[in-house]
Amino acid sequence: MCGNTAFIYNDELLKYQFGSEHPYQPIRFRLVMDTLLEMGVFDHLLRPLRSELATEEDLREVHTEQLINIVKEMSQIGTGCLDMGDTPVCEGLFEGALAAVGATVTGAECIARGEFDHAMTPGGGLHHAHPDKAAGFNIFNDLAIAARRLQRNYGYERIAIIDIDGHHGDGTQSIFYDEKILTISLHRYGPGFYPGTGAVTDMGEGEGKGYSINVPLPRCTPDEVYVPTYEKVVSAALEAYRPEIIIHQFGTDAHYTDHMVGMGLTTRTYEKVAEITHHLAHDHCDGRYLVTGGGGYSADASRRIWSLVVCTVSGSFPLNPEGMHLLRDSGLNRKWKVQQEEFHKRLDYLFDEVIPLIK
């Protein structure tokens, strides 16, 4: 079950950076493109596509004029910080942020116009950005901007945004919290862990009650817990929601080598999640499936995972099987060192109290 897939990249994405010592390094995006080229996987199923920069009008779909002007002015100067210290400003950051938004919007529009069934851009997934503030390395929320574009230009009403970053997608959730836009986030959760939101009881409000689904995970959650949980929750939610498109924030920082999050996933989970979601997209929305990047502070893990995702979703694999083998982990995984009872109570709450509210 395949569809034609666009891999969206633009060297302007490399301007989305916060300095050489910062954990967020955009070279990851170029490494994925280089890996796909070296593997020789671009063909009739998978095609490279260069995106254009977003415009300030695009940003206004979600963000305040004040935030746009602050980022633009600070970017021209090349100094300062946009939050409490996590998100410093370097010269050219504004253009890099426009590139990230532009890539995701390009993917959404080429799917909506029927030019591609699937699209992937590693430069998006900036889920911490709120309408009036940047946060957590994220300047503008490309996921929300793409969803607004689909609503306003293409008449989409049922958009599902799935987020598997190790950190909760707080900005995206807050933007749609009182709307019938389905947001699903699987993330590490616990005292002192950023951003501190995403409890299982955070389910939306007003017309959006039941449409925010959070799966708070304990530290070191391994493959054998994550995959069946993901499949069970996402399958049930999408079955109830019947989306017209799936937008997938595919952060890689829950990988066991990524020390920013402390989770226990291997490439096996990411490959399986891509496979599950690809099938669900064909089951529910004629294959319309947009994948973005997100967090990921091991450049090599991000490169390998996103390359695996592109191949899995497009069905375009290297002629030499060794190519895929080199992308996968050798099998190392961390042990799950937490009590399981509380975790299963959270899942029971989702299925008893939240998912039944979706209409």
Protein backbone atom coordinates (compact mmCIF):
# COMPACT_ATOMS: atom_id res chain seq x y z
CA MET A 1 0.00 0.00 0.00
CA CYS A 2 2.04 2.91 -1.29
CA GLY A 3 1.46 6.41 -2.57
CA ASN A 4 3.61 9.00 -4.23
CA THR A 5 5.63 10.87 -1.64
CA ALA A 6 7.39 14.24 -1.60
CA PHE A 7 10.52 14.82 0.46
CA ILE A 8 10.60 18.56 1.06
CA TYR A 9 13.90 20.28 1.69
CA ASN A 10 15.46 23.72 1.26
CA ASP A 11 18.97 24.78 2.34
CA GLU A 12 17.35 27.84 3.95
CA LEU A 13 16.34 25.44 6.74
CA LEU A 14 19.96 25.51 7.89
CA LYS A 15 19.42 29.11 9.03
CA TYR A 16 17.08 27.83 11.73
CA GLN A 17 19.83 27.67 14.32
CA PHE A 18 20.70 29.05 17.75
CA GLY A 19 24.49 28.79 17.76
CA SER A 20 27.14 26.11 17.48
CA GLU A 21 26.86 25.03 21.12
CA HIS A 22 23.06 24.79 21.18
CA PRO A 23 21.52 21.28 21.29
CA TYR A 24 19.17 22.03 18.36
CA GLN A 25 21.28 21.67 15.21
CA PRO A 26 19.65 22.02 11.77
CA ILE A 27 22.44 20.08 10.05
CA ARG A 28 20.19 17.07 10.79
CA PHE A 29 17.95 18.15 7.92
CA ARG A 30 20.77 18.17 5.39
CA LEU A 31 22.03 14.83 6.68
CA VAL A 32 18.69 13.21 5.89
CA MET A 33 18.73 14.56 2.34
CA ASP A 34 22.33 13.37 1.89
CA THR A 35 21.46 9.92 3.25
CA LEU A 36 18.51 9.52 0.89
CA LEU A 37 20.64 10.60 -2.04
CA GLU A 38 23.42 8.17 -1.09
CA MET A 39 20.91 5.33 -0.76
CA GLY A 40 19.52 6.07 -4.22
CA VAL A 41 15.89 5.91 -3.11
CA PHE A 42 14.48 8.82 -5.10
CA ASP A 43 12.30 7.39 -7.87
CA HIS A 44 8.72 7.53 -9.14
CA LEU A 45 7.43 6.82 -5.61
CA LEU A 46 9.64 9.33 -3.82
CA ARG A 47 10.54 12.71 -5.25
CA PRO A 48 12.54 15.61 -3.80
CA LEU A 49 10.66 18.91 -3.68
CA ARG A 50 12.09 22.33 -2.89
CA SER A 51 9.82 24.54 -0.80
CA GLU A 52 9.58 28.30 -0.74
CA LEU A 53 9.77 30.51 2.34
CA ALA A 54 6.54 31.22 4.16
CA THR A 55 5.29 34.79 4.14
CA GLU A 56 4.42 37.00 7.07
CA GLU A 57 0.81 36.64 5.99
CA ASP A 58 1.18 32.88 6.46
CA LEU A 59 2.42 33.46 10.01
CA ARG A 60 -0.60 35.64 10.79
CA GLU A 61 -2.80 32.58 10.33
CA VAL A 62 -1.77 31.71 13.91
CA HIS A 63 0.68 34.24 15.38
CA THR A 64 0.37 37.80 16.66
CA GLU A 65 1.85 40.74 14.81
CA GLN A 66 3.88 41.56 17.91
CA LEU A 67 5.62 38.18 17.97
CA ILE A 68 6.38 38.32 14.24
CA ASN A 69 7.91 41.79 14.56
CA ILE A 70 9.97 40.87 17.64
CA VAL A 71 11.48 37.81 15.95
CA LYS A 72 12.19 39.73 12.74
CA GLU A 73 13.86 42.64 14.52
CA MET A 74 15.95 40.47 16.86
CA SER A 75 17.00 38.27 13.95
CA GLN A 76 18.32 41.29 12.06
CA ILE A 77 20.41 42.29 15.08
CA GLY A 78 21.45 38.70 15.79
CA THR A 79 21.36 38.84 19.58
CA GLY A 80 18.93 38.33 22.44
CA CYS A 81 16.70 35.52 23.61
CA LEU A 82 13.04 34.75 22.95
CA ASP A 83 12.26 32.98 26.23
CA MET A 84 13.94 32.30 29.56
CA GLY A 85 17.19 31.25 27.91
CA ASP A 86 16.47 28.17 25.80
CA THR A 87 15.82 30.00 22.54
CA PRO A 88 18.58 32.50 21.73
CA VAL A 89 18.49 34.53 18.53
CA CYS A 90 21.14 34.34 15.80
CA GLU A 91 21.30 36.42 12.65
CA GLY A 92 19.08 34.89 9.96
CA LEU A 93 16.85 32.99 12.40
CA PHE A 94 13.72 34.68 11.07
CA GLU A 95 14.45 33.45 7.54
CA GLY A 96 15.16 29.97 8.89
CA ALA A 97 11.81 29.99 10.70
CA LEU A 98 10.08 31.07 7.47
CA ALA A 99 11.77 28.13 5.73
CA ALA A 100 10.52 25.68 8.37
CA VAL A 101 6.94 26.95 8.11
CA GLY A 102 7.13 27.12 4.33
CA ALA A 103 8.22 23.49 4.05
CA THR A 104 5.31 22.23 6.16
CA VAL A 105 2.75 24.42 4.39
CA THR A 106 4.12 23.25 1.03
CA GLY A 107 3.63 19.65 2.12
CA ALA A 108 0.07 20.28 3.29
CA GLU A 109 -0.89 22.07 0.09
CA CYS A 110 0.63 19.57 -2.33
CA ILE A 111 -1.35 16.84 -0.54
CA ALA A 112 -4.56 18.89 -0.52
CA ARG A 113 -4.20 19.59 -4.26
CA GLY A 114 -3.76 15.87 -4.93
CA GLU A 115 -0.21 16.20 -6.26
CA PHE A 116 1.15 13.80 -3.63
CA ASP A 117 -0.43 11.34 -1.22
CA HIS A 118 2.27 11.78 1.40
CA ALA A 119 4.90 14.43 2.18
CA MET A 120 7.76 14.59 4.66
CA THR A 121 9.85 17.56 5.76
CA PRO A 122 12.43 17.17 8.53
CA GLY A 123 12.51 20.91 9.23
CA GLY A 124 9.06 21.31 10.79
CA GLY A 125 7.35 20.06 13.92
CA LEU A 126 7.81 23.24 16.01
CA HIS A 127 5.09 22.32 18.48
CA HIS A 128 6.07 24.49 21.49
CA ALA A 129 5.38 27.79 19.71
CA HIS A 130 2.26 29.61 20.94
CA PRO A 131 0.37 32.35 19.10
CA ASP A 132 2.08 35.10 21.09
CA LYS A 133 5.38 33.57 22.17
CA ALA A 134 8.26 31.39 21.08
CA ALA A 135 9.38 28.63 23.45
CA GLY A 136 11.55 25.53 23.69
CA PHE A 137 13.62 26.16 20.52
CA ASN A 138 10.40 26.74 18.55
CA ILE A 139 9.63 30.11 16.93
CA PHE A 140 6.47 29.68 14.83
CA ASN A 141 4.10 26.72 14.97
CA ASP A 142 4.24 25.29 11.44
CA LEU A 143 1.85 22.47 12.35
CA ALA A 144 -0.91 24.87 13.35
CA ILE A 145 -0.24 27.19 10.40
CA ALA A 146 -0.53 24.25 7.98
CA ALA A 147 -3.78 23.17 9.65
CA ARG A 148 -5.21 26.68 9.33
CA ARG A 149 -4.25 26.74 5.65
CA LEU A 150 -6.07 23.45 5.10
CA GLN A 151 -9.14 24.77 6.91
CA ARG A 152 -9.34 28.14 5.19
CA ASN A 153 -8.14 27.37 1.66
CA TYR A 154 -9.27 23.77 1.20
CA GLY A 155 -12.28 23.41 3.47
CA TYR A 156 -10.82 20.72 5.73
CA GLU A 157 -12.76 20.32 8.97
CA ARG A 158 -11.32 17.15 10.51
CA ILE A 159 -7.55 17.39 10.88
CA ALA A 160 -5.66 14.97 13.13
CA ILE A 161 -2.29 16.10 14.51
CA ILE A 162 -0.27 13.28 16.09
CA ASP A 163 2.83 14.19 18.11
CA ILE A 164 5.45 11.64 19.19
CA ASP A 165 8.15 14.06 20.32
CA GLY A 166 9.57 13.22 23.74
CA HIS A 167 8.22 16.58 24.95
CA HIS A 168 4.52 17.41 25.05
CA GLY A 169 3.18 19.43 22.11
CA ASP A 170 1.88 22.21 24.37
CA GLY A 171 1.75 24.99 21.78
CA THR A 172 -0.22 22.97 19.26
CA GLN A 173 -2.62 21.72 21.93
CA SER A 174 -3.26 25.23 23.27
CA ILE A 175 -4.06 26.62 19.80
CA PHE A 176 -6.75 24.00 19.14
CA TYR A 177 -7.86 23.33 22.73
CA ASP A 178 -11.43 24.53 22.21
CA GLU A 179 -11.82 23.27 18.63
CA LYS A 180 -12.66 19.93 17.04
CA ILE A 181 -9.12 19.50 15.73
CA LEU A 182 -7.81 16.22 17.10
CA THR A 183 -4.43 16.45 18.82
CA ILE A 184 -2.75 13.28 20.12
CA SER A 185 0.52 13.52 22.03
CA LEU A 186 2.66 10.71 23.45
CA HIS A 187 5.41 12.21 25.59
CA ARG A 188 7.48 11.83 28.71
CA TYR A 189 5.70 13.29 31.71
CA GLY A 190 6.73 13.87 35.29
CA PRO A 191 7.78 16.45 37.88
CA GLY A 192 10.19 19.03 36.50
CA PHE A 193 10.13 17.74 32.93
CA TYR A 194 9.58 20.33 30.19
CA PRO A 195 7.07 21.76 29.42
CA GLY A 196 5.11 20.37 32.39
CA THR A 197 1.84 19.99 30.47
CA GLY A 198 0.14 17.01 28.86
CA ALA A 199 -1.56 15.22 31.73
CA VAL A 200 -4.09 12.58 30.75
CA THR A 201 -6.82 14.85 32.13
CA ASP A 202 -5.92 17.64 29.67
CA MET A 203 -8.68 16.76 27.20
CA GLY A 204 -9.79 20.07 25.69
CA GLU A 205 -12.65 22.38 26.59
CA GLY A 206 -15.89 23.65 25.10
CA GLU A 207 -16.42 22.25 21.61
CA GLY A 208 -12.92 20.78 21.83
CA LYS A 209 -13.56 18.63 24.89
CA GLY A 210 -12.34 15.12 24.13
CA TYR A 211 -10.27 16.21 21.13
CA SER A 212 -7.01 16.66 23.06
CA ILE A 213 -5.62 13.22 23.84
CA ASN A 214 -2.51 12.94 25.97
CA VAL A 215 -0.55 9.79 26.75
CA PRO A 216 1.90 10.72 29.54
CA LEU A 217 4.77 8.23 29.55
CA PRO A 218 7.26 7.47 32.31
CA ARG A 219 11.01 7.77 31.89
CA CYS A 220 12.73 4.94 30.00
CA THR A 221 9.53 3.63 28.38
CA PRO A 222 10.74 0.91 25.96
CA ASP A 223 9.64 -0.32 22.53
CA GLU A 224 7.53 -3.18 23.85
CA VAL A 225 5.34 -0.77 25.84
CA TYR A 226 5.31 2.17 23.42
CA VAL A 227 4.30 0.44 20.18
CA PRO A 228 1.15 -1.37 21.41
CA THR A 229 0.13 1.74 23.35
CA TYR A 230 0.54 3.92 20.27
CA GLU A 231 -1.38 1.54 18.05
CA LYS A 232 -4.23 1.08 20.51
CA VAL A 233 -4.74 4.78 21.32
CA VAL A 234 -4.21 6.23 17.84
CA SER A 235 -6.29 3.57 16.07
CA ALA A 236 -9.23 4.10 18.42
CA ALA A 237 -9.06 7.89 18.25
CA LEU A 238 -8.82 8.00 14.44
CA GLU A 239 -11.63 5.46 14.09
CA ALA A 240 -13.86 7.76 16.13
CA TYR A 241 -12.66 10.98 14.47
CA ARG A 242 -12.49 10.00 10.77
CA PRO A 243 -9.86 12.57 9.74
CA GLU A 244 -9.48 14.13 6.31
CA ILE A 245 -5.69 14.30 6.76
CA ILE A 246 -3.10 13.22 9.32
CA ILE A 247 -0.28 15.60 10.27
CA HIS A 248 2.45 13.78 12.19
CA GLN A 249 5.05 15.54 14.34
CA PHE A 250 7.82 12.93 14.25
CA GLY A 251 10.31 14.12 16.86
CA THR A 252 13.11 11.63 17.53
CA ASP A 253 14.22 12.67 21.01
CA ALA A 254 12.61 9.68 22.74
CA HIS A 255 15.38 7.54 21.18
CA TYR A 256 17.54 5.88 23.81
CA THR A 257 20.71 7.71 22.69
CA ASP A 258 19.07 11.13 23.08
CA HIS A 259 19.98 12.40 26.54
CA MET A 260 17.62 15.39 26.50
CA VAL A 261 14.59 13.20 27.23
CA GLY A 262 15.70 9.91 28.81
CA MET A 263 13.33 7.54 27.06
CA GLY A 264 14.12 4.03 25.85
CA LEU A 265 12.98 3.76 22.23
CA THR A 266 14.96 2.26 19.37
CA THR A 267 14.59 2.67 15.63
CA ARG A 268 12.26 -0.34 15.69
CA THR A 269 9.57 1.78 17.34
CA TYR A 270 9.89 4.67 14.89
CA GLU A 271 9.77 2.38 11.88
CA LYS A 272 6.72 0.59 13.29
CA VAL A 273 4.96 3.86 14.16
CA ALA A 274 5.45 5.09 10.60
CA GLU A 275 4.08 1.82 9.25
CA ILE A 276 1.03 1.89 11.55
CA THR A 277 0.20 5.52 10.79
CA HIS A 278 0.71 5.10 7.05
CA HIS A 279 -1.85 2.27 7.06
CA LEU A 280 -4.26 4.32 9.16
CA ALA A 281 -3.95 7.21 6.70
CA HIS A 282 -4.99 4.90 3.86
CA ASP A 283 -7.81 3.48 5.99
CA HIS A 284 -9.29 6.82 6.99
CA CYS A 285 -8.25 9.64 4.64
CA ASP A 286 -7.22 8.20 1.27
CA GLY A 287 -3.57 8.17 2.33
CA ARG A 288 -3.27 11.92 3.04
CA TYR A 289 -0.34 11.93 5.44
CA LEU A 290 2.06 14.79 6.22
CA VAL A 291 5.15 14.03 8.34
CA THR A 292 7.38 16.67 9.92
CA GLY A 293 10.48 16.53 12.05
CA GLY A 294 10.69 17.90 15.57
CA GLY A 295 13.03 17.46 18.51
CA GLY A 296 16.05 15.23 18.19
CA TYR A 297 19.40 16.03 19.77
CA SER A 298 21.38 13.07 18.53
CA ALA A 299 22.05 14.08 14.93
CA ASP A 300 22.87 10.52 13.90
CA ALA A 301 19.71 9.07 15.45
CA SER A 302 17.58 11.74 13.77
CA ARG A 303 19.27 11.12 10.42
CA ARG A 304 18.70 7.38 10.58
CA ILE A 305 15.14 7.54 11.94
CA TRP A 306 13.85 10.13 9.47
CA SER A 307 15.48 8.27 6.58
CA LEU A 308 13.75 5.07 7.72
CA VAL A 309 10.44 6.92 7.95
CA VAL A 310 10.74 8.28 4.42
CA CYS A 311 11.45 4.81 3.04
CA THR A 312 8.67 3.19 5.09
CA VAL A 313 6.00 5.71 4.08
CA SER A 314 7.00 5.99 0.40
CA GLY A 315 7.75 2.30 -0.19
CA SER A 316 10.95 3.36 -1.93
CA PHE A 317 13.82 1.27 -0.57
CA PRO A 318 17.50 1.02 -1.56
CA LEU A 319 18.37 -1.78 -3.97
CA ASN A 320 21.04 -2.92 -1.54
CA PRO A 321 19.32 -4.21 1.66
CA GLU A 322 22.45 -3.29 3.60
CA GLY A 323 21.35 0.32 3.24
CA MET A 324 18.35 -0.20 5.51
CA HIS A 325 20.34 -2.34 7.91
CA LEU A 326 22.78 0.53 8.47
CA LEU A 327 19.91 2.82 9.47
CA ARG A 328 18.57 0.50 12.17
CA ASP A 329 19.81 0.09 15.74
CA SER A 330 21.63 -3.07 16.67
CA GLY A 331 18.93 -3.93 19.22
CA LEU A 332 20.04 -2.18 22.40
CA ASN A 333 17.18 -1.04 24.60
CA ARG A 334 16.77 0.25 28.13
CA LYS A 335 14.86 -1.55 30.86
CA TRP A 336 11.59 -0.11 32.08
CA LYS A 337 12.28 0.83 35.68
CA VAL A 338 8.93 2.27 36.74
CA GLN A 339 5.73 1.03 38.25
CA GLN A 340 3.33 0.01 35.51
CA GLU A 341 0.12 0.31 37.50
CA GLU A 342 -0.13 4.12 37.26
CA PHE A 343 0.59 4.03 33.52
CA HIS A 344 -2.24 1.57 32.87
CA LYS A 345 -4.61 3.70 34.94
CA ARG A 346 -3.86 6.59 32.58
CA LEU A 347 -4.72 4.44 29.57
CA ASP A 348 -7.94 3.29 31.18
CA TYR A 349 -8.88 6.94 31.76
CA LEU A 350 -8.29 7.75 28.08
CA PHE A 351 -10.53 4.95 26.86
CA ASP A 352 -13.21 5.45 29.52
CA GLU A 353 -13.38 9.27 29.75
CA VAL A 354 -11.74 10.97 26.75
CA ILE A 355 -12.01 9.04 23.48
CA PRO A 356 -15.78 8.44 23.92
CA LEU A 357 -16.26 12.24 23.70
CA ILE A 358 -15.04 12.34 20.07
CA LYS A 359 -17.96 12.71 17.68
